[in-house]
Amino acid sequence: MWCHLLLAMPLLGLVFFGVLPLPVAAAVYGVTVLASLGVYAAVYRAMRLPVKGGPEELIGRRGIAVEEINPYGQIRVGREVWRATARTPIPAGTAVRITELAGVTATVERDETFIKPQACERGHSGF
């Protein structure tokens, strides 16, 4: 609801003409209109972006097996935990990649391309 007030800034800015001297009110109103145009442009660009989310976005993403998957288990993808199934047993802690999604169950396979980060010596960045 409050976002609509932001879009109505030019109308609300007309109040300045009743309280301020004309040159000051015109300057303030001009700044208000320019700010509104910036907001309108940002809103227009955001509304034209493709919708993100949904199950199709998960296919191909990487995760970690939270528990052994044999044939069912759980994986963590980002901050979410999903029910998972695999064609072959996958131990807990293994990197996985989602290949399909059926309802709330992800079919996964081992992610052989994942390289586990190695611990560095204290004070050594590795570069």
N, C-alpha and C. Protein backbone atom coordinates (compact mmCIF):
# COMPACT_ATOMS: atom_id res chain seq x y z
N MET A 1 0.82 -1.19 0.00
CA MET A 1 0.00 0.00 0.00
C MET A 1 0.87 1.26 0.00
N TRP A 2 1.94 1.27 0.78
CA TRP A 2 2.79 2.45 0.88
C TRP A 2 3.52 2.72 -0.43
N CYS A 3 3.71 1.67 -1.25
CA CYS A 3 4.40 1.88 -2.52
C CYS A 3 3.57 2.78 -3.44
N HIS A 4 2.26 2.76 -3.29
CA HIS A 4 1.42 3.62 -4.12
C HIS A 4 1.62 5.10 -3.78
N LEU A 5 1.94 5.39 -2.54
CA LEU A 5 2.24 6.78 -2.18
C LEU A 5 3.49 7.26 -2.91
N LEU A 6 4.46 6.36 -3.05
CA LEU A 6 5.68 6.70 -3.77
C LEU A 6 5.37 7.04 -5.23
N LEU A 7 4.45 6.30 -5.83
CA LEU A 7 4.09 6.56 -7.22
C LEU A 7 3.24 7.82 -7.37
N ALA A 8 2.65 8.28 -6.28
CA ALA A 8 1.82 9.49 -6.32
C ALA A 8 2.59 10.74 -5.90
N MET A 9 3.91 10.67 -5.86
CA MET A 9 4.72 11.81 -5.42
C MET A 9 4.42 13.11 -6.17
N PRO A 10 4.27 13.08 -7.49
CA PRO A 10 3.97 14.34 -8.18
C PRO A 10 2.66 14.98 -7.71
N LEU A 11 1.66 14.16 -7.45
CA LEU A 11 0.39 14.73 -6.97
C LEU A 11 0.55 15.30 -5.57
N LEU A 12 1.27 14.57 -4.71
CA LEU A 12 1.50 15.06 -3.35
C LEU A 12 2.35 16.33 -3.37
N GLY A 13 3.22 16.45 -4.37
CA GLY A 13 4.08 17.63 -4.47
C GLY A 13 3.33 18.91 -4.77
N LEU A 14 2.12 18.80 -5.29
CA LEU A 14 1.32 20.00 -5.57
C LEU A 14 0.99 20.77 -4.31
N VAL A 15 1.06 20.12 -3.16
CA VAL A 15 0.79 20.78 -1.87
C VAL A 15 1.79 21.91 -1.65
N PHE A 16 3.01 21.76 -2.15
CA PHE A 16 4.04 22.79 -1.94
C PHE A 16 3.62 24.15 -2.51
N PHE A 17 2.80 24.15 -3.56
CA PHE A 17 2.39 25.41 -4.15
C PHE A 17 1.47 26.20 -3.24
N GLY A 18 0.82 25.53 -2.30
CA GLY A 18 -0.07 26.22 -1.38
C GLY A 18 0.63 26.74 -0.14
N VAL A 19 1.84 26.24 0.14
CA VAL A 19 2.52 26.62 1.37
C VAL A 19 3.82 27.38 1.15
N LEU A 20 4.45 27.21 0.04
CA LEU A 20 5.75 27.85 -0.21
C LEU A 20 5.60 28.94 -1.27
N PRO A 21 6.54 29.89 -1.28
CA PRO A 21 6.55 30.88 -2.37
C PRO A 21 6.70 30.16 -3.72
N LEU A 22 6.14 30.74 -4.76
CA LEU A 22 6.09 30.09 -6.07
C LEU A 22 7.45 29.60 -6.57
N PRO A 23 8.55 30.41 -6.53
CA PRO A 23 9.84 29.91 -7.05
C PRO A 23 10.36 28.70 -6.26
N VAL A 24 10.20 28.73 -4.94
CA VAL A 24 10.68 27.62 -4.11
C VAL A 24 9.82 26.38 -4.37
N ALA A 25 8.50 26.57 -4.43
CA ALA A 25 7.60 25.45 -4.67
C ALA A 25 7.88 24.81 -6.03
N ALA A 26 8.15 25.65 -7.05
CA ALA A 26 8.44 25.13 -8.39
C ALA A 26 9.73 24.31 -8.38
N ALA A 27 10.75 24.78 -7.65
CA ALA A 27 12.02 24.05 -7.58
C ALA A 27 11.83 22.71 -6.86
N VAL A 28 11.13 22.73 -5.74
CA VAL A 28 10.88 21.49 -4.98
C VAL A 28 10.05 20.53 -5.82
N TYR A 29 9.05 21.08 -6.51
CA TYR A 29 8.20 20.23 -7.34
C TYR A 29 9.00 19.63 -8.50
N GLY A 30 9.90 20.40 -9.08
CA GLY A 30 10.75 19.89 -10.16
C GLY A 30 11.60 18.71 -9.70
N VAL A 31 12.19 18.83 -8.51
CA VAL A 31 12.99 17.73 -7.96
C VAL A 31 12.10 16.51 -7.71
N THR A 32 10.89 16.75 -7.21
CA THR A 32 9.95 15.66 -6.95
C THR A 32 9.59 14.93 -8.25
N VAL A 33 9.36 15.68 -9.31
CA VAL A 33 9.01 15.07 -10.60
C VAL A 33 10.19 14.27 -11.14
N LEU A 34 11.41 14.80 -11.04
CA LEU A 34 12.59 14.06 -11.51
C LEU A 34 12.79 12.77 -10.72
N ALA A 35 12.62 12.85 -9.41
CA ALA A 35 12.73 11.64 -8.58
C ALA A 35 11.66 10.62 -8.97
N SER A 36 10.46 11.11 -9.25
CA SER A 36 9.37 10.22 -9.65
C SER A 36 9.69 9.53 -10.97
N LEU A 37 10.25 10.27 -11.92
CA LEU A 37 10.61 9.67 -13.20
C LEU A 37 11.64 8.56 -13.02
N GLY A 38 12.59 8.78 -12.10
CA GLY A 38 13.58 7.74 -11.80
C GLY A 38 12.92 6.50 -11.22
N VAL A 39 11.99 6.71 -10.30
CA VAL A 39 11.27 5.58 -9.70
C VAL A 39 10.44 4.86 -10.76
N TYR A 40 9.74 5.61 -11.61
CA TYR A 40 8.92 4.99 -12.66
C TYR A 40 9.78 4.16 -13.60
N ALA A 41 10.96 4.67 -13.97
CA ALA A 41 11.85 3.93 -14.86
C ALA A 41 12.31 2.63 -14.21
N ALA A 42 12.66 2.68 -12.93
CA ALA A 42 13.10 1.47 -12.22
C ALA A 42 11.96 0.46 -12.12
N VAL A 43 10.76 0.92 -11.83
CA VAL A 43 9.61 0.03 -11.74
C VAL A 43 9.33 -0.61 -13.10
N TYR A 44 9.40 0.18 -14.16
CA TYR A 44 9.14 -0.33 -15.51
C TYR A 44 10.15 -1.43 -15.87
N ARG A 45 11.44 -1.18 -15.59
CA ARG A 45 12.47 -2.18 -15.88
C ARG A 45 12.24 -3.45 -15.06
N ALA A 46 11.91 -3.30 -13.79
CA ALA A 46 11.69 -4.46 -12.92
C ALA A 46 10.49 -5.29 -13.38
N MET A 47 9.47 -4.63 -13.87
CA MET A 47 8.28 -5.36 -14.29
C MET A 47 8.49 -6.10 -15.60
N ARG A 48 9.50 -5.72 -16.37
CA ARG A 48 9.77 -6.38 -17.64
C ARG A 48 10.75 -7.54 -17.50
N LEU A 49 11.32 -7.75 -16.31
CA LEU A 49 12.24 -8.85 -16.08
C LEU A 49 11.48 -10.17 -16.11
N PRO A 50 12.14 -11.25 -16.53
CA PRO A 50 11.46 -12.54 -16.49
C PRO A 50 11.21 -12.97 -15.05
N VAL A 51 10.16 -13.72 -14.85
CA VAL A 51 9.80 -14.18 -13.52
C VAL A 51 10.83 -15.21 -13.06
N LYS A 52 11.33 -15.02 -11.85
CA LYS A 52 12.28 -15.98 -11.29
C LYS A 52 11.57 -16.78 -10.22
N GLY A 53 11.90 -18.01 -10.15
CA GLY A 53 11.28 -18.88 -9.15
C GLY A 53 10.58 -20.03 -9.83
N GLY A 54 10.04 -20.88 -9.04
CA GLY A 54 9.36 -22.04 -9.58
C GLY A 54 10.30 -23.22 -9.71
N PRO A 55 9.74 -24.37 -9.93
CA PRO A 55 10.54 -25.59 -9.96
C PRO A 55 11.55 -25.66 -11.10
N GLU A 56 11.21 -25.10 -12.26
CA GLU A 56 12.11 -25.19 -13.40
C GLU A 56 13.45 -24.50 -13.15
N GLU A 57 13.47 -23.57 -12.21
CA GLU A 57 14.72 -22.87 -11.89
C GLU A 57 15.69 -23.78 -11.14
N LEU A 58 15.19 -24.79 -10.46
CA LEU A 58 16.05 -25.67 -9.66
C LEU A 58 16.82 -26.67 -10.51
N ILE A 59 16.30 -27.04 -11.66
CA ILE A 59 16.97 -28.05 -12.48
C ILE A 59 18.33 -27.52 -12.92
N GLY A 60 19.36 -28.31 -12.64
CA GLY A 60 20.73 -27.93 -12.96
C GLY A 60 21.47 -27.30 -11.80
N ARG A 61 20.76 -26.92 -10.74
CA ARG A 61 21.42 -26.30 -9.59
C ARG A 61 22.14 -27.35 -8.76
N ARG A 62 23.15 -26.88 -8.04
CA ARG A 62 23.96 -27.76 -7.20
C ARG A 62 23.51 -27.69 -5.76
N GLY A 63 23.75 -28.77 -5.05
CA GLY A 63 23.44 -28.82 -3.63
C GLY A 63 24.34 -29.81 -2.93
N ILE A 64 24.05 -30.05 -1.67
CA ILE A 64 24.82 -30.99 -0.85
C ILE A 64 23.83 -31.98 -0.24
N ALA A 65 24.20 -33.25 -0.24
CA ALA A 65 23.36 -34.26 0.41
C ALA A 65 23.45 -34.07 1.92
N VAL A 66 22.32 -33.76 2.54
CA VAL A 66 22.28 -33.55 3.99
C VAL A 66 22.34 -34.90 4.70
N GLU A 67 21.71 -35.90 4.10
CA GLU A 67 21.75 -37.26 4.63
C GLU A 67 21.94 -38.21 3.46
N GLU A 68 22.26 -39.45 3.76
CA GLU A 68 22.46 -40.42 2.68
C GLU A 68 21.19 -40.53 1.84
N ILE A 69 21.36 -40.58 0.53
CA ILE A 69 20.23 -40.73 -0.39
C ILE A 69 20.28 -42.16 -0.90
N ASN A 70 19.35 -43.01 -0.41
CA ASN A 70 19.38 -44.43 -0.76
C ASN A 70 18.00 -45.04 -0.60
N PRO A 71 17.09 -45.02 -1.46
CA PRO A 71 17.00 -44.19 -2.65
C PRO A 71 16.49 -42.79 -2.35
N TYR A 72 15.98 -42.56 -1.11
CA TYR A 72 15.49 -41.23 -0.76
C TYR A 72 16.35 -40.63 0.34
N GLY A 73 16.41 -39.31 0.39
CA GLY A 73 17.14 -38.60 1.43
C GLY A 73 16.82 -37.12 1.32
N GLN A 74 17.71 -36.28 1.85
CA GLN A 74 17.50 -34.83 1.78
C GLN A 74 18.75 -34.15 1.25
N ILE A 75 18.52 -33.05 0.52
CA ILE A 75 19.62 -32.22 0.02
C ILE A 75 19.39 -30.78 0.44
N ARG A 76 20.46 -30.03 0.50
CA ARG A 76 20.36 -28.59 0.76
C ARG A 76 20.78 -27.87 -0.52
N VAL A 77 19.90 -26.99 -0.99
CA VAL A 77 20.18 -26.16 -2.15
C VAL A 77 20.02 -24.72 -1.69
N GLY A 78 21.12 -24.00 -1.57
CA GLY A 78 21.07 -22.66 -1.00
C GLY A 78 20.66 -22.78 0.46
N ARG A 79 19.57 -22.12 0.82
CA ARG A 79 19.07 -22.18 2.20
C ARG A 79 17.91 -23.16 2.36
N GLU A 80 17.53 -23.82 1.28
CA GLU A 80 16.37 -24.71 1.31
C GLU A 80 16.80 -26.16 1.42
N VAL A 81 15.98 -26.96 2.10
CA VAL A 81 16.20 -28.40 2.19
C VAL A 81 15.08 -29.07 1.39
N TRP A 82 15.47 -29.96 0.47
CA TRP A 82 14.53 -30.65 -0.40
C TRP A 82 14.62 -32.15 -0.20
N ARG A 83 13.51 -32.83 -0.41
CA ARG A 83 13.51 -34.29 -0.45
C ARG A 83 14.15 -34.68 -1.77
N ALA A 84 14.96 -35.72 -1.75
CA ALA A 84 15.68 -36.10 -2.97
C ALA A 84 15.67 -37.61 -3.16
N THR A 85 15.81 -38.00 -4.40
CA THR A 85 15.98 -39.40 -4.76
C THR A 85 17.12 -39.49 -5.76
N ALA A 86 17.76 -40.66 -5.79
CA ALA A 86 18.87 -40.87 -6.72
C ALA A 86 18.83 -42.31 -7.22
N ARG A 87 19.39 -42.53 -8.40
CA ARG A 87 19.41 -43.87 -8.98
C ARG A 87 20.45 -44.75 -8.29
N THR A 88 21.50 -44.12 -7.77
CA THR A 88 22.54 -44.85 -7.04
C THR A 88 22.69 -44.21 -5.67
N PRO A 89 23.11 -44.96 -4.66
CA PRO A 89 23.27 -44.37 -3.33
C PRO A 89 24.29 -43.23 -3.33
N ILE A 90 23.97 -42.17 -2.59
CA ILE A 90 24.86 -41.02 -2.47
C ILE A 90 25.05 -40.75 -0.99
N PRO A 91 26.31 -40.77 -0.50
CA PRO A 91 26.54 -40.53 0.93
C PRO A 91 26.29 -39.07 1.32
N ALA A 92 26.03 -38.86 2.61
CA ALA A 92 25.84 -37.51 3.14
C ALA A 92 27.10 -36.69 2.91
N GLY A 93 26.93 -35.41 2.62
CA GLY A 93 28.06 -34.51 2.40
C GLY A 93 28.56 -34.46 0.97
N THR A 94 27.98 -35.27 0.09
CA THR A 94 28.39 -35.31 -1.31
C THR A 94 27.71 -34.18 -2.09
N ALA A 95 28.46 -33.58 -3.00
CA ALA A 95 27.89 -32.55 -3.88
C ALA A 95 26.99 -33.24 -4.90
N VAL A 96 25.82 -32.65 -5.13
CA VAL A 96 24.86 -33.22 -6.08
C VAL A 96 24.36 -32.13 -7.02
N ARG A 97 23.79 -32.59 -8.13
CA ARG A 97 23.17 -31.69 -9.11
C ARG A 97 21.75 -32.20 -9.37
N ILE A 98 20.79 -31.28 -9.39
CA ILE A 98 19.39 -31.66 -9.63
C ILE A 98 19.18 -31.88 -11.12
N THR A 99 18.63 -33.06 -11.47
CA THR A 99 18.38 -33.39 -12.87
C THR A 99 16.91 -33.29 -13.24
N GLU A 100 16.02 -33.56 -12.30
CA GLU A 100 14.57 -33.41 -12.54
C GLU A 100 13.88 -33.08 -11.23
N LEU A 101 12.64 -32.67 -11.37
CA LEU A 101 11.85 -32.32 -10.20
C LEU A 101 10.43 -32.84 -10.42
N ALA A 102 9.94 -33.63 -9.45
CA ALA A 102 8.58 -34.16 -9.50
C ALA A 102 7.90 -33.78 -8.20
N GLY A 103 7.04 -32.79 -8.25
CA GLY A 103 6.40 -32.29 -7.03
C GLY A 103 7.44 -31.65 -6.13
N VAL A 104 7.60 -32.20 -4.93
CA VAL A 104 8.59 -31.64 -4.00
C VAL A 104 9.81 -32.56 -3.85
N THR A 105 9.95 -33.51 -4.77
CA THR A 105 11.08 -34.44 -4.72
C THR A 105 12.00 -34.18 -5.90
N ALA A 106 13.26 -33.93 -5.60
CA ALA A 106 14.27 -33.68 -6.63
C ALA A 106 15.01 -34.97 -6.93
N THR A 107 15.19 -35.26 -8.21
CA THR A 107 16.05 -36.37 -8.61
C THR A 107 17.44 -35.78 -8.81
N VAL A 108 18.43 -36.41 -8.16
CA VAL A 108 19.78 -35.85 -8.18
C VAL A 108 20.79 -36.89 -8.64
N GLU A 109 21.95 -36.40 -9.01
CA GLU A 109 23.10 -37.25 -9.31
C GLU A 109 24.32 -36.59 -8.71
N ARG A 110 25.36 -37.36 -8.54
CA ARG A 110 26.60 -36.80 -8.00
C ARG A 110 27.10 -35.70 -8.92
N ASP A 111 27.64 -34.66 -8.33
CA ASP A 111 28.21 -33.56 -9.11
C ASP A 111 29.72 -33.76 -9.13
N GLU A 112 30.20 -34.36 -10.20
CA GLU A 112 31.64 -34.67 -10.30
C GLU A 112 32.47 -33.42 -10.56
N THR A 113 31.83 -32.32 -10.97
CA THR A 113 32.59 -31.10 -11.28
C THR A 113 32.87 -30.26 -10.05
N PHE A 114 32.24 -30.61 -8.92
CA PHE A 114 32.41 -29.82 -7.70
C PHE A 114 33.81 -30.03 -7.13
N ILE A 115 34.49 -28.94 -6.83
CA ILE A 115 35.81 -29.01 -6.21
C ILE A 115 35.67 -28.51 -4.78
N LYS A 116 35.98 -29.39 -3.84
CA LYS A 116 35.83 -29.04 -2.43
C LYS A 116 36.91 -28.02 -2.05
N PRO A 117 36.53 -26.90 -1.40
CA PRO A 117 37.53 -25.91 -1.00
C PRO A 117 38.50 -26.51 0.01
N GLN A 118 39.77 -26.14 -0.15
CA GLN A 118 40.78 -26.65 0.77
C GLN A 118 41.12 -25.59 1.80
N ALA A 119 41.44 -26.04 3.00
CA ALA A 119 41.80 -25.11 4.07
C ALA A 119 43.15 -24.48 3.77
N CYS A 120 43.28 -23.21 4.06
CA CYS A 120 44.53 -22.48 3.86
C CYS A 120 45.25 -22.35 5.19
N GLU A 121 46.56 -22.18 5.08
CA GLU A 121 47.31 -21.90 6.30
C GLU A 121 46.91 -20.53 6.81
N ARG A 122 47.01 -20.34 8.09
CA ARG A 122 46.63 -19.07 8.70
C ARG A 122 47.49 -17.95 8.13
N GLY A 123 46.83 -16.88 7.68
CA GLY A 123 47.55 -15.72 7.15
C GLY A 123 47.96 -15.86 5.70
N HIS A 124 47.61 -16.99 5.06
CA HIS A 124 47.99 -17.18 3.67
C HIS A 124 46.72 -17.26 2.83
N SER A 125 46.56 -16.34 1.89
CA SER A 125 45.34 -16.29 1.10
C SER A 125 45.37 -17.24 -0.09
N GLY A 126 46.53 -17.74 -0.46
CA GLY A 126 46.62 -18.64 -1.59
C GLY A 126 46.88 -17.94 -2.91
N PHE A 127 47.03 -16.63 -2.89
CA PHE A 127 47.30 -15.90 -4.13
C PHE A 127 48.73 -15.45 -4.17
